[in-house]
Amino acid sequence: MYGTQANLSWRGRDVLDAEGHRVGRLEEVYLDDATDQPRWAAVRERAVGRRLSLVPLANATMRADYVAVPVTAGAIDEAPHIDSARELTGEEAACLERHYGAGARDASDTGAAPKRR
């Protein structure tokens, strides 16, 4: 379901959490180094000028005008943030996986550090 072209079209779309609340706008898609599949979305939060939140794309779905992610706004707000879209370090990826737990993984997850594309 996830293809590189499909995920490029996700940029700029609203991101809704598991409860249907708008959490921000999708700025960038991060791909898994090993599989080249989408792993994280960098989401500009609701408030203007806020940092980027990284949200897992495992089990995310694309709708007509938004991307729905399977985590809550509270989990996103409490997640580690980054100041700008850039490649993640292995430590940052591990911290995100610990925070989101099972919500950051899908059946094909390799556990490799993601990188921005």
N, C-alpha and C. Protein backbone atom coordinates (compact mmCIF):
# COMPACT_ATOMS: atom_id res chain seq x y z
N MET A 1 0.83 -1.20 0.00
CA MET A 1 0.00 0.00 0.00
C MET A 1 0.86 1.25 0.00
N TYR A 2 1.96 1.23 0.76
CA TYR A 2 2.82 2.40 0.81
C TYR A 2 3.78 2.37 -0.36
N GLY A 3 3.70 3.33 -1.22
CA GLY A 3 4.67 3.49 -2.28
C GLY A 3 5.25 4.88 -2.19
N THR A 4 6.45 5.05 -2.69
CA THR A 4 7.10 6.34 -2.59
C THR A 4 6.25 7.44 -3.21
N GLN A 5 5.69 7.21 -4.39
CA GLN A 5 4.87 8.22 -5.04
C GLN A 5 3.63 8.55 -4.20
N ALA A 6 3.00 7.53 -3.65
CA ALA A 6 1.81 7.76 -2.83
C ALA A 6 2.15 8.65 -1.65
N ASN A 7 3.27 8.39 -0.99
CA ASN A 7 3.62 9.15 0.19
C ASN A 7 4.02 10.58 -0.12
N LEU A 8 4.56 10.83 -1.29
CA LEU A 8 4.88 12.20 -1.67
C LEU A 8 3.61 13.03 -1.74
N SER A 9 2.51 12.42 -2.13
CA SER A 9 1.25 13.16 -2.22
C SER A 9 0.66 13.45 -0.84
N TRP A 10 1.17 12.83 0.21
CA TRP A 10 0.68 13.07 1.56
C TRP A 10 1.16 14.41 2.10
N ARG A 11 2.26 14.94 1.59
CA ARG A 11 2.81 16.20 2.10
C ARG A 11 1.79 17.32 1.96
N GLY A 12 1.70 18.13 3.02
CA GLY A 12 0.79 19.26 3.02
C GLY A 12 -0.62 18.92 3.46
N ARG A 13 -0.92 17.66 3.61
CA ARG A 13 -2.27 17.26 4.03
C ARG A 13 -2.41 17.35 5.55
N ASP A 14 -3.64 17.53 5.99
CA ASP A 14 -3.93 17.50 7.42
C ASP A 14 -3.66 16.10 7.95
N VAL A 15 -3.27 16.03 9.23
CA VAL A 15 -3.08 14.75 9.91
C VAL A 15 -4.10 14.69 11.03
N LEU A 16 -4.88 13.60 11.05
CA LEU A 16 -5.87 13.37 12.10
C LEU A 16 -5.41 12.23 12.98
N ASP A 17 -5.65 12.37 14.28
CA ASP A 17 -5.25 11.32 15.21
C ASP A 17 -6.26 10.18 15.24
N ALA A 18 -6.05 9.22 16.13
CA ALA A 18 -6.91 8.04 16.22
C ALA A 18 -8.34 8.38 16.62
N GLU A 19 -8.53 9.56 17.21
CA GLU A 19 -9.87 9.98 17.62
C GLU A 19 -10.51 10.96 16.63
N GLY A 20 -9.83 11.20 15.50
CA GLY A 20 -10.38 12.07 14.48
C GLY A 20 -10.08 13.55 14.66
N HIS A 21 -9.21 13.90 15.63
CA HIS A 21 -8.86 15.30 15.85
C HIS A 21 -7.69 15.71 14.94
N ARG A 22 -7.76 16.92 14.40
CA ARG A 22 -6.66 17.43 13.58
C ARG A 22 -5.49 17.76 14.50
N VAL A 23 -4.32 17.18 14.19
CA VAL A 23 -3.13 17.42 15.01
C VAL A 23 -2.11 18.30 14.31
N GLY A 24 -2.26 18.52 13.01
CA GLY A 24 -1.32 19.37 12.29
C GLY A 24 -1.30 19.05 10.82
N ARG A 25 -0.20 19.49 10.18
CA ARG A 25 -0.03 19.31 8.74
C ARG A 25 1.22 18.48 8.48
N LEU A 26 1.12 17.52 7.58
CA LEU A 26 2.25 16.65 7.26
C LEU A 26 3.28 17.42 6.43
N GLU A 27 4.49 17.53 6.97
CA GLU A 27 5.56 18.28 6.32
C GLU A 27 6.50 17.38 5.53
N GLU A 28 6.78 16.19 6.05
CA GLU A 28 7.80 15.34 5.45
C GLU A 28 7.52 13.88 5.79
N VAL A 29 7.90 12.99 4.88
CA VAL A 29 7.78 11.54 5.11
C VAL A 29 9.19 10.99 5.29
N TYR A 30 9.39 10.23 6.32
CA TYR A 30 10.67 9.58 6.59
C TYR A 30 10.56 8.11 6.19
N LEU A 31 11.56 7.60 5.50
CA LEU A 31 11.55 6.22 5.04
C LEU A 31 12.52 5.38 5.87
N ASP A 32 12.18 4.10 6.02
CA ASP A 32 13.04 3.15 6.69
C ASP A 32 14.28 2.90 5.82
N ASP A 33 15.46 2.96 6.40
CA ASP A 33 16.70 2.75 5.65
C ASP A 33 16.74 1.39 4.97
N ALA A 34 16.27 0.37 5.65
CA ALA A 34 16.40 -0.99 5.13
C ALA A 34 15.35 -1.34 4.08
N THR A 35 14.13 -0.86 4.24
CA THR A 35 13.04 -1.27 3.36
C THR A 35 12.58 -0.19 2.39
N ASP A 36 13.00 1.05 2.63
CA ASP A 36 12.58 2.19 1.82
C ASP A 36 11.07 2.43 1.91
N GLN A 37 10.46 1.94 2.97
CA GLN A 37 9.02 2.13 3.20
C GLN A 37 8.81 3.27 4.19
N PRO A 38 7.69 3.96 4.11
CA PRO A 38 7.39 5.06 5.03
C PRO A 38 7.41 4.59 6.48
N ARG A 39 8.04 5.36 7.34
CA ARG A 39 8.16 4.97 8.74
C ARG A 39 7.60 6.04 9.67
N TRP A 40 7.92 7.30 9.40
CA TRP A 40 7.50 8.41 10.26
C TRP A 40 7.00 9.56 9.40
N ALA A 41 6.11 10.36 9.97
CA ALA A 41 5.69 11.62 9.35
C ALA A 41 6.12 12.75 10.26
N ALA A 42 6.74 13.77 9.69
CA ALA A 42 7.03 14.99 10.43
C ALA A 42 5.81 15.87 10.29
N VAL A 43 5.17 16.17 11.42
CA VAL A 43 3.91 16.92 11.43
C VAL A 43 4.13 18.26 12.11
N ARG A 44 3.79 19.32 11.40
CA ARG A 44 3.83 20.67 11.99
C ARG A 44 2.57 20.78 12.83
N GLU A 45 2.77 21.02 14.10
CA GLU A 45 1.63 21.01 15.03
C GLU A 45 0.68 22.18 14.78
N ARG A 46 -0.46 22.08 15.43
CA ARG A 46 -1.56 23.05 15.24
C ARG A 46 -1.12 24.48 15.44
N ALA A 47 -0.36 24.75 16.47
CA ALA A 47 0.05 26.12 16.76
C ALA A 47 1.16 26.56 15.79
N VAL A 48 1.04 27.75 15.27
CA VAL A 48 2.03 28.27 14.32
C VAL A 48 3.38 28.40 15.01
N GLY A 49 4.43 27.98 14.30
CA GLY A 49 5.77 28.11 14.83
C GLY A 49 6.21 27.01 15.76
N ARG A 50 5.35 26.07 16.05
CA ARG A 50 5.74 24.97 16.93
C ARG A 50 6.70 24.04 16.22
N ARG A 51 7.39 23.26 16.99
CA ARG A 51 8.33 22.29 16.43
C ARG A 51 7.59 21.21 15.67
N LEU A 52 8.37 20.36 15.00
CA LEU A 52 7.81 19.22 14.29
C LEU A 52 7.67 18.04 15.24
N SER A 53 6.56 17.35 15.14
CA SER A 53 6.35 16.10 15.87
C SER A 53 6.52 14.96 14.88
N LEU A 54 7.17 13.91 15.31
CA LEU A 54 7.29 12.72 14.47
C LEU A 54 6.23 11.73 14.90
N VAL A 55 5.48 11.26 13.92
CA VAL A 55 4.33 10.39 14.15
C VAL A 55 4.53 9.11 13.34
N PRO A 56 4.27 7.94 13.94
CA PRO A 56 4.45 6.70 13.19
C PRO A 56 3.44 6.57 12.05
N LEU A 57 3.91 6.05 10.92
CA LEU A 57 3.03 5.83 9.78
C LEU A 57 2.57 4.38 9.65
N ALA A 58 3.00 3.52 10.56
CA ALA A 58 2.52 2.14 10.55
C ALA A 58 1.00 2.17 10.69
N ASN A 59 0.31 1.55 9.79
CA ASN A 59 -1.15 1.46 9.80
C ASN A 59 -1.86 2.80 9.57
N ALA A 60 -1.14 3.80 9.06
CA ALA A 60 -1.79 5.07 8.71
C ALA A 60 -2.59 4.87 7.42
N THR A 61 -3.63 5.67 7.26
CA THR A 61 -4.45 5.57 6.05
C THR A 61 -4.62 6.95 5.42
N MET A 62 -4.66 6.95 4.10
CA MET A 62 -4.86 8.18 3.33
C MET A 62 -6.32 8.27 2.98
N ARG A 63 -6.89 9.41 3.24
CA ARG A 63 -8.26 9.70 2.85
C ARG A 63 -8.23 10.78 1.79
N ALA A 64 -9.37 11.25 1.36
CA ALA A 64 -9.44 12.23 0.28
C ALA A 64 -8.58 13.47 0.55
N ASP A 65 -8.62 13.99 1.76
CA ASP A 65 -7.87 15.21 2.03
C ASP A 65 -7.09 15.20 3.34
N TYR A 66 -6.87 14.04 3.92
CA TYR A 66 -6.09 13.96 5.15
C TYR A 66 -5.45 12.58 5.30
N VAL A 67 -4.53 12.50 6.24
CA VAL A 67 -3.89 11.24 6.60
C VAL A 67 -4.30 10.94 8.04
N ALA A 68 -4.82 9.74 8.27
CA ALA A 68 -5.23 9.33 9.61
C ALA A 68 -4.16 8.43 10.20
N VAL A 69 -3.69 8.77 11.40
CA VAL A 69 -2.67 7.97 12.08
C VAL A 69 -3.29 7.29 13.30
N PRO A 70 -2.77 6.11 13.68
CA PRO A 70 -3.39 5.34 14.75
C PRO A 70 -2.88 5.67 16.15
N VAL A 71 -2.53 6.93 16.40
CA VAL A 71 -2.09 7.36 17.73
C VAL A 71 -2.89 8.60 18.11
N THR A 72 -2.97 8.88 19.41
CA THR A 72 -3.77 10.01 19.88
C THR A 72 -2.97 11.31 19.87
N ALA A 73 -3.70 12.41 19.91
CA ALA A 73 -3.07 13.73 19.98
C ALA A 73 -2.21 13.84 21.24
N GLY A 74 -2.67 13.25 22.33
CA GLY A 74 -1.90 13.28 23.58
C GLY A 74 -0.56 12.60 23.42
N ALA A 75 -0.55 11.46 22.77
CA ALA A 75 0.71 10.74 22.54
C ALA A 75 1.64 11.55 21.65
N ILE A 76 1.07 12.23 20.66
CA ILE A 76 1.88 13.07 19.76
C ILE A 76 2.45 14.25 20.53
N ASP A 77 1.64 14.90 21.35
CA ASP A 77 2.09 16.06 22.13
C ASP A 77 3.22 15.68 23.09
N GLU A 78 3.17 14.47 23.64
CA GLU A 78 4.17 14.03 24.61
C GLU A 78 5.41 13.42 23.96
N ALA A 79 5.38 13.21 22.65
CA ALA A 79 6.51 12.59 21.95
C ALA A 79 7.70 13.53 21.86
N PRO A 80 8.89 12.97 21.71
CA PRO A 80 10.06 13.82 21.46
C PRO A 80 9.85 14.60 20.17
N HIS A 81 10.30 15.84 20.13
CA HIS A 81 10.14 16.71 18.97
C HIS A 81 11.49 16.97 18.32
N ILE A 82 11.46 17.46 17.09
CA ILE A 82 12.66 17.93 16.42
C ILE A 82 12.42 19.36 15.97
N ASP A 83 13.49 20.10 15.74
CA ASP A 83 13.34 21.50 15.37
C ASP A 83 13.17 21.71 13.88
N SER A 84 13.65 20.78 13.06
CA SER A 84 13.50 20.91 11.61
C SER A 84 13.55 19.52 10.98
N ALA A 85 13.01 19.41 9.77
CA ALA A 85 13.02 18.14 9.06
C ALA A 85 14.46 17.82 8.65
N ARG A 86 14.97 16.73 9.16
CA ARG A 86 16.33 16.30 8.86
C ARG A 86 16.43 14.80 9.15
N GLU A 87 17.52 14.19 8.76
CA GLU A 87 17.70 12.77 9.02
C GLU A 87 17.78 12.53 10.52
N LEU A 88 17.16 11.46 10.99
CA LEU A 88 17.17 11.13 12.40
C LEU A 88 18.42 10.32 12.75
N THR A 89 18.87 10.50 13.97
CA THR A 89 19.93 9.64 14.48
C THR A 89 19.30 8.34 14.96
N GLY A 90 20.10 7.31 15.11
CA GLY A 90 19.60 6.05 15.66
C GLY A 90 19.02 6.22 17.05
N GLU A 91 19.64 7.08 17.85
CA GLU A 91 19.17 7.33 19.21
C GLU A 91 17.79 8.00 19.19
N GLU A 92 17.60 8.96 18.28
CA GLU A 92 16.29 9.62 18.17
C GLU A 92 15.21 8.64 17.74
N ALA A 93 15.53 7.78 16.77
CA ALA A 93 14.55 6.79 16.31
C ALA A 93 14.19 5.83 17.43
N ALA A 94 15.19 5.39 18.20
CA ALA A 94 14.94 4.47 19.31
C ALA A 94 14.06 5.13 20.37
N CYS A 95 14.30 6.40 20.64
CA CYS A 95 13.51 7.14 21.61
C CYS A 95 12.04 7.23 21.16
N LEU A 96 11.83 7.50 19.87
CA LEU A 96 10.48 7.55 19.33
C LEU A 96 9.79 6.20 19.42
N GLU A 97 10.50 5.14 19.10
CA GLU A 97 9.91 3.80 19.18
C GLU A 97 9.54 3.43 20.61
N ARG A 98 10.38 3.82 21.57
CA ARG A 98 10.05 3.57 22.98
C ARG A 98 8.79 4.35 23.36
N HIS A 99 8.70 5.60 22.90
CA HIS A 99 7.54 6.42 23.26
C HIS A 99 6.24 5.86 22.68
N TYR A 100 6.23 5.56 21.38
CA TYR A 100 5.01 5.11 20.73
C TYR A 100 4.75 3.62 20.91
N GLY A 101 5.76 2.83 21.25
CA GLY A 101 5.60 1.40 21.45
C GLY A 101 5.08 0.71 20.22
N ALA A 102 4.08 -0.14 20.39
CA ALA A 102 3.54 -0.93 19.28
C ALA A 102 2.96 -0.05 18.19
N GLY A 103 2.55 1.18 18.50
CA GLY A 103 1.99 2.08 17.49
C GLY A 103 3.00 2.51 16.44
N ALA A 104 4.29 2.30 16.71
CA ALA A 104 5.33 2.70 15.77
C ALA A 104 5.74 1.57 14.84
N ARG A 105 5.17 0.40 15.01
CA ARG A 105 5.60 -0.76 14.25
C ARG A 105 4.45 -1.39 13.47
N ASP A 106 4.80 -2.03 12.37
CA ASP A 106 3.85 -2.87 11.65
C ASP A 106 4.51 -4.21 11.41
N ALA A 107 3.83 -5.10 10.75
CA ALA A 107 4.33 -6.47 10.58
C ALA A 107 5.62 -6.53 9.79
N SER A 108 5.90 -5.56 8.94
CA SER A 108 7.11 -5.59 8.13
C SER A 108 8.24 -4.76 8.72
N ASP A 109 8.09 -4.26 9.92
CA ASP A 109 9.06 -3.37 10.53
C ASP A 109 10.40 -4.04 10.74
N THR A 110 11.45 -3.39 10.31
CA THR A 110 12.80 -3.94 10.45
C THR A 110 13.53 -3.36 11.63
N GLY A 111 13.04 -2.27 12.19
CA GLY A 111 13.70 -1.63 13.30
C GLY A 111 14.85 -0.74 12.88
N ALA A 112 15.09 -0.56 11.61
CA ALA A 112 16.18 0.29 11.14
C ALA A 112 15.84 1.76 11.37
N ALA A 113 16.87 2.58 11.48
CA ALA A 113 16.64 4.01 11.66
C ALA A 113 16.06 4.60 10.38
N PRO A 114 15.06 5.46 10.50
CA PRO A 114 14.47 6.08 9.31
C PRO A 114 15.36 7.20 8.77
N LYS A 115 15.14 7.55 7.55
CA LYS A 115 15.80 8.73 7.00
C LYS A 115 14.82 9.50 6.13
N ARG A 116 15.03 10.79 6.06
CA ARG A 116 14.14 11.67 5.32
C ARG A 116 14.35 11.51 3.82
N ARG A 117 13.26 11.50 3.07
CA ARG A 117 13.33 11.45 1.60
C ARG A 117 12.39 12.43 1.02
